[in-house]
Amino acid sequence: MAKFMQKMLPDGPDGTLEQVSLVDRANVVSGDPDERAALFFSKKGVTAGVWECGAYKERIENRPIEEMCVVLSGEVTLSTDDGASETYGPGDSFLFRRGFTGYWETRGRFRKYFFSAS
């Protein structure tokens, strides 16, 4: 690997995703996040990696970070309290913005690349 370049692989830099618990279980409305992830980079509030979860629905209040996502597999629906809703699937990229209030819902296994900043 070149010193200043790194290919982001869908199974993480070492070829495996580790079990993690990033979702606040108190906010889970239904299902089981069953999360796995691998980080490519994390420094000073900026993180890049790959994250996967199972089927679940989560209530999010005033999201504290900015995040850019690229969907690798599965689908996620984001819906706000005012009725706006968007579904993203494989190949879609989206910004998941600081301040978001509403629901995150996956109906099956879901995997994404992410780049976040707090």
Protein backbone atom coordinates (compact mmCIF):
# COMPACT_ATOMS: atom_id res chain seq x y z
CA MET A 1 0.00 0.00 0.00
CA ALA A 2 1.28 3.46 -0.88
CA LYS A 3 1.96 5.76 2.04
CA PHE A 4 -0.62 8.40 1.05
CA MET A 5 -3.24 6.24 -0.69
CA GLN A 6 -5.53 3.47 0.48
CA LYS A 7 -8.20 1.63 -1.43
CA MET A 8 -11.42 1.34 0.58
CA LEU A 9 -12.44 -2.31 0.37
CA PRO A 10 -16.01 -3.37 1.25
CA ASP A 11 -14.75 -5.77 3.93
CA GLY A 12 -12.42 -3.25 5.59
CA PRO A 13 -8.64 -2.84 5.37
CA ASP A 14 -7.95 -6.27 6.92
CA GLY A 15 -10.76 -8.15 5.16
CA THR A 16 -13.02 -8.48 8.19
CA LEU A 17 -15.67 -6.42 9.92
CA GLU A 18 -15.63 -6.55 13.71
CA GLN A 19 -18.73 -6.64 15.91
CA VAL A 20 -19.43 -3.12 17.21
CA SER A 21 -22.17 -1.34 19.14
CA LEU A 22 -22.46 2.21 17.84
CA VAL A 23 -26.26 2.48 17.78
CA ASP A 24 -27.76 3.64 21.08
CA ARG A 25 -30.05 0.70 21.95
CA ALA A 26 -32.35 3.07 23.87
CA ASN A 27 -33.29 4.62 20.50
CA VAL A 28 -34.06 1.33 18.70
CA VAL A 29 -37.78 1.14 17.90
CA SER A 30 -37.73 -2.34 16.38
CA GLY A 31 -35.36 -5.04 15.14
CA ASP A 32 -31.70 -5.64 15.99
CA PRO A 33 -28.89 -3.48 14.58
CA ASP A 34 -26.39 -6.40 14.75
CA GLU A 35 -23.59 -4.04 13.74
CA ARG A 36 -20.17 -4.73 12.26
CA ALA A 37 -17.55 -2.21 11.13
CA ALA A 38 -13.97 -1.53 10.14
CA LEU A 39 -12.17 1.80 10.18
CA PHE A 40 -9.83 3.06 7.51
CA PHE A 41 -9.06 6.31 9.32
CA SER A 42 -9.97 8.11 12.54
CA LYS A 43 -8.36 11.32 13.75
CA LYS A 44 -9.55 14.50 15.46
CA GLY A 45 -13.28 13.81 15.06
CA VAL A 46 -13.03 12.67 11.42
CA THR A 47 -13.64 8.99 10.64
CA ALA A 48 -13.79 6.89 7.46
CA GLY A 49 -14.83 3.27 7.32
CA VAL A 50 -17.32 0.61 6.36
CA TRP A 51 -20.36 -0.22 8.53
CA GLU A 52 -22.96 -2.95 8.28
CA CYS A 53 -26.15 -3.60 10.20
CA GLY A 54 -29.18 -5.88 10.32
CA ALA A 55 -32.84 -4.97 9.91
CA TYR A 56 -33.89 -2.37 12.49
CA LYS A 57 -35.54 1.02 13.00
CA GLU A 58 -34.01 3.76 15.12
CA ARG A 59 -35.31 7.12 16.35
CA ILE A 60 -32.69 9.86 15.98
CA GLU A 61 -32.96 13.22 17.75
CA ASN A 62 -30.80 16.15 16.65
CA ARG A 63 -28.01 14.09 15.06
CA PRO A 64 -24.64 15.38 16.36
CA ILE A 65 -22.40 14.61 13.32
CA GLU A 66 -22.15 15.20 9.58
CA GLU A 67 -21.78 12.04 7.49
CA MET A 68 -21.36 11.18 3.82
CA CYS A 69 -22.51 7.65 2.95
CA VAL A 70 -22.14 5.39 -0.08
CA VAL A 71 -24.49 2.39 -0.02
CA LEU A 72 -22.77 -0.90 -0.86
CA SER A 73 -25.70 -3.27 -0.28
CA GLY A 74 -29.23 -3.22 1.09
CA GLU A 75 -31.48 -0.21 1.51
CA VAL A 76 -32.05 2.43 4.16
CA THR A 77 -35.01 4.79 4.49
CA LEU A 78 -34.57 8.09 6.30
CA SER A 79 -37.79 9.86 7.28
CA THR A 80 -38.29 13.13 9.08
CA ASP A 81 -41.06 14.15 11.44
CA ASP A 82 -42.51 16.51 8.81
CA GLY A 83 -43.18 13.59 6.46
CA ALA A 84 -40.16 13.79 4.13
CA SER A 85 -38.72 10.37 3.28
CA GLU A 86 -35.88 9.11 1.07
CA THR A 87 -34.73 5.56 0.39
CA TYR A 88 -31.14 4.85 -0.67
CA GLY A 89 -29.83 1.63 -2.23
CA PRO A 90 -26.66 0.18 -3.76
CA GLY A 91 -24.58 2.80 -5.55
CA ASP A 92 -26.41 5.76 -3.98
CA SER A 93 -24.47 8.42 -2.10
CA PHE A 94 -26.10 10.72 0.42
CA LEU A 95 -25.38 13.25 3.13
CA PHE A 96 -26.76 12.41 6.56
CA ARG A 97 -26.70 15.84 8.16
CA ARG A 98 -26.07 17.17 11.64
CA GLY A 99 -29.38 18.16 13.24
CA PHE A 100 -31.44 15.41 11.56
CA THR A 101 -34.45 14.33 13.61
CA GLY A 102 -36.51 11.36 12.48
CA TYR A 103 -36.06 7.66 11.71
CA TRP A 104 -33.38 5.44 10.18
CA GLU A 105 -34.80 2.13 8.95
CA THR A 106 -33.24 -0.87 7.23
CA ARG A 107 -35.35 -3.87 6.27
CA GLY A 108 -32.48 -6.34 5.78
CA ARG A 109 -28.67 -6.41 5.89
CA PHE A 110 -27.27 -3.01 4.96
CA ARG A 111 -23.65 -1.98 4.28
CA LYS A 112 -22.15 1.44 3.57
CA TYR A 113 -18.90 3.31 3.28
CA PHE A 114 -18.96 6.37 5.52
CA PHE A 115 -16.96 9.51 6.14
CA SER A 116 -18.03 11.44 9.22
CA ALA A 117 -17.03 14.59 11.07
CA SER A 118 -18.13 15.70 14.50
